[in-house]
PDB file of N, CA and C in Angstrom:
ATOM      1  N   MET A   1      42.229-249.024  38.239  1.00  0.00           N
ATOM      2  CA  MET A   1      43.224-248.535  37.318  1.00  0.00           C
ATOM      3  C   MET A   1      42.931-249.077  35.921  1.00  0.00           C
ATOM      4  N   ILE A   2      43.052-248.224  34.930  1.00  0.00           N
ATOM      5  CA  ILE A   2      42.756-248.582  33.554  1.00  0.00           C
ATOM      6  C   ILE A   2      44.002-249.164  32.901  1.00  0.00           C
ATOM      7  N   SER A   3      43.852-250.336  32.344  1.00  0.00           N
ATOM      8  CA  SER A   3      44.970-251.037  31.709  1.00  0.00           C
ATOM      9  C   SER A   3      45.427-250.306  30.453  1.00  0.00           C
ATOM     10  N   ASP A   4      46.730-250.285  30.233  1.00  0.00           N
ATOM     11  CA  ASP A   4      47.285-249.691  29.019  1.00  0.00           C
ATOM     12  C   ASP A   4      46.910-250.510  27.783  1.00  0.00           C
ATOM     13  N   ASP A   5      46.531-251.763  27.981  1.00  0.00           N
ATOM     14  CA  ASP A   5      46.169-252.643  26.876  1.00  0.00           C
ATOM     15  C   ASP A   5      44.729-252.432  26.398  1.00  0.00           C
ATOM     16  N   LEU A   6      43.964-251.651  27.134  1.00  0.00           N
ATOM     17  CA  LEU A   6      42.560-251.434  26.803  1.00  0.00           C
ATOM     18  C   LEU A   6      42.446-250.588  25.532  1.00  0.00           C
ATOM     19  N   ASP A   7      41.702-251.087  24.557  1.00  0.00           N
ATOM     20  CA  ASP A   7      41.497-250.387  23.288  1.00  0.00           C
ATOM     21  C   ASP A   7      40.327-249.415  23.462  1.00  0.00           C
ATOM     22  N   LEU A   8      40.654-248.151  23.687  1.00  0.00           N
ATOM     23  CA  LEU A   8      39.623-247.146  23.944  1.00  0.00           C
ATOM     24  C   LEU A   8      38.741-246.912  22.724  1.00  0.00           C
ATOM     25  N   ARG A   9      39.320-247.007  21.534  1.00  0.00           N
ATOM     26  CA  ARG A   9      38.511-246.833  20.321  1.00  0.00           C
ATOM     27  C   ARG A   9      37.462-247.931  20.210  1.00  0.00           C
ATOM     28  N   GLN A  10      37.867-249.162  20.423  1.00  0.00           N
ATOM     29  CA  GLN A  10      36.927-250.276  20.325  1.00  0.00           C
ATOM     30  C   GLN A  10      35.871-250.196  21.424  1.00  0.00           C
ATOM     31  N   LEU A  11      36.302-249.844  22.612  1.00  0.00           N
ATOM     32  CA  LEU A  11      35.363-249.711  23.726  1.00  0.00           C
ATOM     33  C   LEU A  11      34.333-248.618  23.422  1.00  0.00           C
ATOM     34  N   THR A  12      34.783-247.513  22.842  1.00  0.00           N
ATOM     35  CA  THR A  12      33.879-246.432  22.475  1.00  0.00           C
ATOM     36  C   THR A  12      32.926-246.879  21.371  1.00  0.00           C
ATOM     37  N   ALA A  13      33.422-247.632  20.411  1.00  0.00           N
ATOM     38  CA  ALA A  13      32.563-248.159  19.344  1.00  0.00           C
ATOM     39  C   ALA A  13      31.498-249.084  19.927  1.00  0.00           C
ATOM     40  N   ASP A  14      31.877-249.928  20.869  1.00  0.00           N
ATOM     41  CA  ASP A  14      30.920-250.820  21.531  1.00  0.00           C
ATOM     42  C   ASP A  14      29.873-250.019  22.290  1.00  0.00           C
ATOM     43  N   LEU A  15      30.320-248.988  22.975  1.00  0.00           N
ATOM     44  CA  LEU A  15      29.418-248.122  23.739  1.00  0.00           C
ATOM     45  C   LEU A  15      28.435-247.430  22.804  1.00  0.00           C
ATOM     46  N   LYS A  16      28.933-246.907  21.696  1.00  0.00           N
ATOM     47  CA  LYS A  16      28.070-246.231  20.725  1.00  0.00           C
ATOM     48  C   LYS A  16      27.051-247.205  20.140  1.00  0.00           C
ATOM     49  N   SER A  17      27.495-248.403  19.823  1.00  0.00           N
ATOM     50  CA  SER A  17      26.602-249.415  19.265  1.00  0.00           C
ATOM     51  C   SER A  17      25.506-249.799  20.256  1.00  0.00           C
ATOM     52  N   ALA A  18      25.875-249.931  21.514  1.00  0.00           N
ATOM     53  CA  ALA A  18      24.922-250.350  22.540  1.00  0.00           C
ATOM     54  C   ALA A  18      23.915-249.257  22.883  1.00  0.00           C
ATOM     55  N   LEU A  19      24.372-248.026  22.936  1.00  0.00           N
ATOM     56  CA  LEU A  19      23.496-246.942  23.374  1.00  0.00           C
ATOM     57  C   LEU A  19      22.782-246.240  22.234  1.00  0.00           C
ATOM     58  N   GLY A  20      23.292-246.362  21.036  1.00  0.00           N
ATOM     59  CA  GLY A  20      22.658-245.717  19.899  1.00  0.00           C
ATOM     60  C   GLY A  20      22.803-244.205  19.938  1.00  0.00           C
ATOM     61  N   HIS A  21      22.317-243.560  18.904  1.00  0.00           N
ATOM     62  CA  HIS A  21      22.428-242.107  18.787  1.00  0.00           C
ATOM     63  C   HIS A  21      21.412-241.426  19.698  1.00  0.00           C
ATOM     64  N   GLY A  22      21.901-240.526  20.529  1.00  0.00           N
ATOM     65  CA  GLY A  22      21.019-239.730  21.375  1.00  0.00           C
ATOM     66  C   GLY A  22      20.496-240.436  22.610  1.00  0.00           C
ATOM     67  N   GLU A  23      20.945-241.636  22.870  1.00  0.00           N
ATOM     68  CA  GLU A  23      20.454-242.387  24.030  1.00  0.00           C
ATOM     69  C   GLU A  23      20.962-241.793  25.344  1.00  0.00           C
ATOM     70  N   ALA A  24      22.211-241.380  25.359  1.00  0.00           N
ATOM     71  CA  ALA A  24      22.784-240.791  26.572  1.00  0.00           C
ATOM     72  C   ALA A  24      22.459-239.295  26.571  1.00  0.00           C
ATOM     73  N   VAL A  25      21.452-238.906  27.355  1.00  0.00           N
ATOM     74  CA  VAL A  25      20.990-237.526  27.392  1.00  0.00           C
ATOM     75  C   VAL A  25      21.142-236.975  28.800  1.00  0.00           C
ATOM     76  N   GLY A  26      21.574-235.729  28.888  1.00  0.00           N
ATOM     77  CA  GLY A  26      21.799-235.096  30.189  1.00  0.00           C
ATOM     78  C   GLY A  26      23.200-235.406  30.668  1.00  0.00           C
ATOM     79  N   TYR A  27      23.843-234.423  31.266  1.00  0.00           N
ATOM     80  CA  TYR A  27      25.233-234.619  31.660  1.00  0.00           C
ATOM     81  C   TYR A  27      25.384-235.759  32.659  1.00  0.00           C
ATOM     82  N   LEU A  28      24.740-235.657  33.796  1.00  0.00           N
ATOM     83  CA  LEU A  28      24.901-236.702  34.821  1.00  0.00           C
ATOM     84  C   LEU A  28      24.182-237.986  34.454  1.00  0.00           C
ATOM     85  N   ARG A  29      22.986-237.876  33.881  1.00  0.00           N
ATOM     86  CA  ARG A  29      22.256-239.091  33.482  1.00  0.00           C
ATOM     87  C   ARG A  29      23.027-239.851  32.414  1.00  0.00           C
ATOM     88  N   GLY A  30      23.603-239.118  31.459  1.00  0.00           N
ATOM     89  CA  GLY A  30      24.378-239.764  30.397  1.00  0.00           C
ATOM     90  C   GLY A  30      25.622-240.446  30.941  1.00  0.00           C
ATOM     91  N   LYS A  31      26.337-239.750  31.827  1.00  0.00           N
ATOM     92  CA  LYS A  31      27.536-240.362  32.426  1.00  0.00           C
ATOM     93  C   LYS A  31      27.166-241.617  33.214  1.00  0.00           C
ATOM     94  N   SER A  32      26.065-241.538  33.949  1.00  0.00           N
ATOM     95  CA  SER A  32      25.617-242.698  34.742  1.00  0.00           C
ATOM     96  C   SER A  32      25.235-243.866  33.849  1.00  0.00           C
ATOM     97  N   LEU A  33      24.544-243.568  32.754  1.00  0.00           N
ATOM     98  CA  LEU A  33      24.142-244.614  31.813  1.00  0.00           C
ATOM     99  C   LEU A  33      25.364-245.312  31.223  1.00  0.00           C
ATOM    100  N   MET A  34      26.352-244.514  30.820  1.00  0.00           N
ATOM    101  CA  MET A  34      27.565-245.102  30.242  1.00  0.00           C
ATOM    102  C   MET A  34      28.348-245.887  31.289  1.00  0.00           C
ATOM    103  N   ARG A  35      28.453-245.344  32.487  1.00  0.00           N
ATOM    104  CA  ARG A  35      29.153-246.043  33.568  1.00  0.00           C
ATOM    105  C   ARG A  35      28.463-247.371  33.871  1.00  0.00           C
ATOM    106  N   ASP A  36      27.143-247.344  33.995  1.00  0.00           N
ATOM    107  CA  ASP A  36      26.397-248.571  34.307  1.00  0.00           C
ATOM    108  C   ASP A  36      26.550-249.609  33.205  1.00  0.00           C
ATOM    109  N   TRP A  37      26.582-249.159  31.955  1.00  0.00           N
ATOM    110  CA  TRP A  37      26.774-250.093  30.845  1.00  0.00           C
ATOM    111  C   TRP A  37      28.140-250.768  30.948  1.00  0.00           C
ATOM    112  N   LEU A  38      29.170-249.994  31.273  1.00  0.00           N
ATOM    113  CA  LEU A  38      30.516-250.557  31.426  1.00  0.00           C
ATOM    114  C   LEU A  38      30.576-251.577  32.557  1.00  0.00           C
ATOM    115  N   VAL A  39      29.867-251.316  33.631  1.00  0.00           N
ATOM    116  CA  VAL A  39      29.830-252.239  34.772  1.00  0.00           C
ATOM    117  C   VAL A  39      29.090-253.518  34.383  1.00  0.00           C
ATOM    118  N   GLU A  40      27.891-253.359  33.832  1.00  0.00           N
ATOM    119  CA  GLU A  40      27.028-254.508  33.554  1.00  0.00           C
ATOM    120  C   GLU A  40      27.497-255.339  32.360  1.00  0.00           C
ATOM    121  N   THR A  41      28.016-254.688  31.343  1.00  0.00           N
ATOM    122  CA  THR A  41      28.361-255.393  30.112  1.00  0.00           C
ATOM    123  C   THR A  41      29.825-255.794  30.035  1.00  0.00           C
ATOM    124  N   LYS A  42      30.695-254.926  30.503  1.00  0.00           N
ATOM    125  CA  LYS A  42      32.131-255.167  30.352  1.00  0.00           C
ATOM    126  C   LYS A  42      32.809-255.644  31.633  1.00  0.00           C
ATOM    127  N   GLY A  43      32.081-255.644  32.750  1.00  0.00           N
ATOM    128  CA  GLY A  43      32.619-256.197  33.989  1.00  0.00           C
ATOM    129  C   GLY A  43      33.545-255.303  34.781  1.00  0.00           C
ATOM    130  N   PHE A  44      33.564-254.003  34.483  1.00  0.00           N
ATOM    131  CA  PHE A  44      34.373-253.079  35.274  1.00  0.00           C
ATOM    132  C   PHE A  44      33.701-252.823  36.614  1.00  0.00           C
ATOM    133  N   SER A  45      34.483-252.478  37.612  1.00  0.00           N
ATOM    134  CA  SER A  45      33.889-252.037  38.877  1.00  0.00           C
ATOM    135  C   SER A  45      33.293-250.655  38.642  1.00  0.00           C
ATOM    136  N   ALA A  46      32.448-250.191  39.548  1.00  0.00           N
ATOM    137  CA  ALA A  46      31.838-248.866  39.411  1.00  0.00           C
ATOM    138  C   ALA A  46      32.909-247.774  39.380  1.00  0.00           C
ATOM    139  N   LEU A  47      33.927-247.918  40.212  1.00  0.00           N
ATOM    140  CA  LEU A  47      35.006-246.922  40.242  1.00  0.00           C
ATOM    141  C   LEU A  47      35.801-246.936  38.936  1.00  0.00           C
ATOM    142  N   GLU A  48      36.139-248.132  38.438  1.00  0.00           N
ATOM    143  CA  GLU A  48      36.852-248.228  37.162  1.00  0.00           C
ATOM    144  C   GLU A  48      36.034-247.624  36.033  1.00  0.00           C
ATOM    145  N   ALA A  49      34.751-247.919  36.021  1.00  0.00           N
ATOM    146  CA  ALA A  49      33.876-247.411  34.975  1.00  0.00           C
ATOM    147  C   ALA A  49      33.778-245.886  35.038  1.00  0.00           C
ATOM    148  N   GLU A  50      33.689-245.339  36.228  1.00  0.00           N
ATOM    149  CA  GLU A  50      33.642-243.877  36.393  1.00  0.00           C
ATOM    150  C   GLU A  50      34.932-243.245  35.859  1.00  0.00           C
ATOM    151  N   GLU A  51      36.063-243.820  36.209  1.00  0.00           N
ATOM    152  CA  GLU A  51      37.347-243.316  35.728  1.00  0.00           C
ATOM    153  C   GLU A  51      37.464-243.464  34.212  1.00  0.00           C
ATOM    154  N   LEU A  52      36.942-244.546  33.694  1.00  0.00           N
ATOM    155  CA  LEU A  52      37.002-244.798  32.261  1.00  0.00           C
ATOM    156  C   LEU A  52      36.154-243.786  31.491  1.00  0.00           C
ATOM    157  N   VAL A  53      34.959-243.494  31.968  1.00  0.00           N
ATOM    158  CA  VAL A  53      34.115-242.485  31.324  1.00  0.00           C
ATOM    159  C   VAL A  53      34.823-241.134  31.355  1.00  0.00           C
ATOM    160  N   ASP A  54      35.429-240.799  32.486  1.00  0.00           N
ATOM    161  CA  ASP A  54      36.182-239.536  32.582  1.00  0.00           C
ATOM    162  C   ASP A  54      37.356-239.513  31.601  1.00  0.00           C
ATOM    163  N   THR A  55      38.048-240.639  31.467  1.00  0.00           N
ATOM    164  CA  THR A  55      39.171-240.740  30.533  1.00  0.00           C
ATOM    165  C   THR A  55      38.692-240.603  29.096  1.00  0.00           C
ATOM    166  N   LEU A  56      37.604-241.280  28.757  1.00  0.00           N
ATOM    167  CA  LEU A  56      37.062-241.188  27.399  1.00  0.00           C
ATOM    168  C   LEU A  56      36.633-239.758  27.082  1.00  0.00           C
ATOM    169  N   GLU A  57      36.074-239.076  28.070  1.00  0.00           N
ATOM    170  CA  GLU A  57      35.675-237.683  27.873  1.00  0.00           C
ATOM    171  C   GLU A  57      36.916-236.794  27.693  1.00  0.00           C
ATOM    172  N   ALA A  58      37.917-236.987  28.533  1.00  0.00           N
ATOM    173  CA  ALA A  58      39.138-236.167  28.465  1.00  0.00           C
ATOM    174  C   ALA A  58      39.895-236.370  27.147  1.00  0.00           C
ATOM    175  N   ARG A  59      39.824-237.566  26.585  1.00  0.00           N
ATOM    176  CA  ARG A  59      40.548-237.865  25.344  1.00  0.00           C
ATOM    177  C   ARG A  59      39.719-237.602  24.087  1.00  0.00           C
ATOM    178  N   GLY A  60      38.500-237.108  24.272  1.00  0.00           N
ATOM    179  CA  GLY A  60      37.688-236.714  23.128  1.00  0.00           C
ATOM    180  C   GLY A  60      36.809-237.792  22.532  1.00  0.00           C
ATOM    181  N   PHE A  61      36.758-238.969  23.127  1.00  0.00           N
ATOM    182  CA  PHE A  61      35.879-240.022  22.632  1.00  0.00           C
ATOM    183  C   PHE A  61      34.422-239.742  23.000  1.00  0.00           C
ATOM    184  N   LEU A  62      34.217-239.061  24.096  1.00  0.00           N
ATOM    185  CA  LEU A  62      32.889-238.672  24.557  1.00  0.00           C
ATOM    186  C   LEU A  62      32.861-237.159  24.699  1.00  0.00           C
ATOM    187  N   ARG A  63      31.751-236.550  24.241  1.00  0.00           N
ATOM    188  CA  ARG A  63      31.639-235.102  24.367  1.00  0.00           C
ATOM    189  C   ARG A  63      30.193-234.743  24.643  1.00  0.00           C
ATOM    190  N   PHE A  64      29.990-234.018  25.728  1.00  0.00           N
ATOM    191  CA  PHE A  64      28.644-233.555  26.064  1.00  0.00           C
ATOM    192  C   PHE A  64      28.346-232.345  25.194  1.00  0.00           C
ATOM    193  N   LEU A  65      27.205-232.349  24.517  1.00  0.00           N
ATOM    194  CA  LEU A  65      26.884-231.310  23.550  1.00  0.00           C
ATOM    195  C   LEU A  65      26.158-230.116  24.160  1.00  0.00           C
ATOM    196  N   GLY A  66      26.009-230.109  25.451  1.00  0.00           N
ATOM    197  CA  GLY A  66      25.363-228.990  26.117  1.00  0.00           C
ATOM    198  C   GLY A  66      26.288-228.375  27.137  1.00  0.00           C
ATOM    199  N   ASP A  67      25.699-227.706  28.081  1.00  0.00           N
ATOM    200  CA  ASP A  67      26.437-227.085  29.177  1.00  0.00           C
ATOM    201  C   ASP A  67      25.752-227.509  30.467  1.00  0.00           C
ATOM    202  N   PRO A  68      26.395-228.352  31.273  1.00  0.00           N
ATOM    203  CA  PRO A  68      25.738-228.839  32.489  1.00  0.00           C
ATOM    204  C   PRO A  68      25.404-227.721  33.478  1.00  0.00           C
ATOM    205  N   ALA A  69      26.024-226.573  33.331  1.00  0.00           N
ATOM    206  CA  ALA A  69      25.758-225.455  34.241  1.00  0.00           C
ATOM    207  C   ALA A  69      24.533-224.640  33.818  1.00  0.00           C
ATOM    208  N   GLU A  70      24.106-224.799  32.574  1.00  0.00           N
ATOM    209  CA  GLU A  70      22.959-224.053  32.053  1.00  0.00           C
ATOM    210  C   GLU A  70      21.755-224.978  31.964  1.00  0.00           C
ATOM    211  N   ARG A  71      20.737-224.707  32.753  1.00  0.00           N
ATOM    212  CA  ARG A  71      19.556-225.571  32.781  1.00  0.00           C
ATOM    213  C   ARG A  71      18.931-225.759  31.397  1.00  0.00           C
ATOM    214  N   SER A  72      18.952-224.729  30.568  1.00  0.00           N
ATOM    215  CA  SER A  72      18.305-224.805  29.259  1.00  0.00           C
ATOM    216  C   SER A  72      18.983-225.791  28.312  1.00  0.00           C
ATOM    217  N   VAL A  73      20.236-226.121  28.557  1.00  0.00           N
ATOM    218  CA  VAL A  73      20.940-227.082  27.700  1.00  0.00           C
ATOM    219  C   VAL A  73      21.533-228.241  28.495  1.00  0.00           C
ATOM    220  N   ALA A  74      21.106-228.413  29.714  1.00  0.00           N
ATOM    221  CA  ALA A  74      21.632-229.487  30.553  1.00  0.00           C
ATOM    222  C   ALA A  74      21.124-230.864  30.116  1.00  0.00           C
ATOM    223  N   ASP A  75      20.056-230.898  29.322  1.00  0.00           N
ATOM    224  CA  ASP A  75      19.506-232.164  28.847  1.00  0.00           C
ATOM    225  C   ASP A  75      19.942-232.480  27.423  1.00  0.00           C
ATOM    226  N   ALA A  76      21.041-231.925  27.020  1.00  0.00           N
ATOM    227  CA  ALA A  76      21.583-232.190  25.684  1.00  0.00           C
ATOM    228  C   ALA A  76      22.152-233.614  25.629  1.00  0.00           C
ATOM    229  N   PRO A  77      22.325-234.132  24.421  1.00  0.00           N
ATOM    230  CA  PRO A  77      22.884-235.486  24.276  1.00  0.00           C
ATOM    231  C   PRO A  77      24.409-235.483  24.354  1.00  0.00           C
ATOM    232  N   TRP A  78      24.936-236.673  24.442  1.00  0.00           N
ATOM    233  CA  TRP A  78      26.373-236.914  24.374  1.00  0.00           C
ATOM    234  C   TRP A  78      26.709-237.349  22.960  1.00  0.00           C
ATOM    235  N   GLU A  79      27.855-236.939  22.486  1.00  0.00           N
ATOM    236  CA  GLU A  79      28.388-237.421  21.220  1.00  0.00           C
ATOM    237  C   GLU A  79      29.415-238.495  21.556  1.00  0.00           C
ATOM    238  N   ILE A  80      29.232-239.681  20.988  1.00  0.00           N
ATOM    239  CA  ILE A  80      30.139-240.806  21.221  1.00  0.00           C
ATOM    240  C   ILE A  80      30.889-241.044  19.909  1.00  0.00           C
ATOM    241  N   THR A  81      32.197-240.771  19.936  1.00  0.00           N
ATOM    242  CA  THR A  81      33.002-240.784  18.715  1.00  0.00           C
ATOM    243  C   THR A  81      34.175-241.736  18.840  1.00  0.00           C
ATOM    244  N   PRO A  82      34.068-242.941  18.249  1.00  0.00           N
ATOM    245  CA  PRO A  82      35.149-243.917  18.358  1.00  0.00           C
ATOM    246  C   PRO A  82      36.438-243.519  17.647  1.00  0.00           C
ATOM    247  N   HIS A  83      36.404-242.553  16.769  1.00  0.00           N
ATOM    248  CA  HIS A  83      37.596-242.187  16.001  1.00  0.00           C
ATOM    249  C   HIS A  83      38.235-240.894  16.477  1.00  0.00           C
ATOM    250  N   ALA A  84      38.116-240.599  17.767  1.00  0.00           N
ATOM    251  CA  ALA A  84      38.686-239.355  18.309  1.00  0.00           C
ATOM    252  C   ALA A  84      40.191-239.350  18.212  1.00  0.00           C
TER     253      ALA A  84
END
């Protein structure tokens, strides 16, 4: 469960700083990279990290710039925006 005290903007800024521009590429590979970073760096469990990535995506902090259903754009990067 994600704590209400968690600063999603700061967490997104940390994620962006750690991964840099264009580092998270591909829908599933990018989500896995971000989830693994949250586990290894911030100490979340794998389940918490998965839920957190989904929450950040739903709230607009993370946005996949391609279409995971279309092979031609499935390797697009993620946009990580701390000011969503």
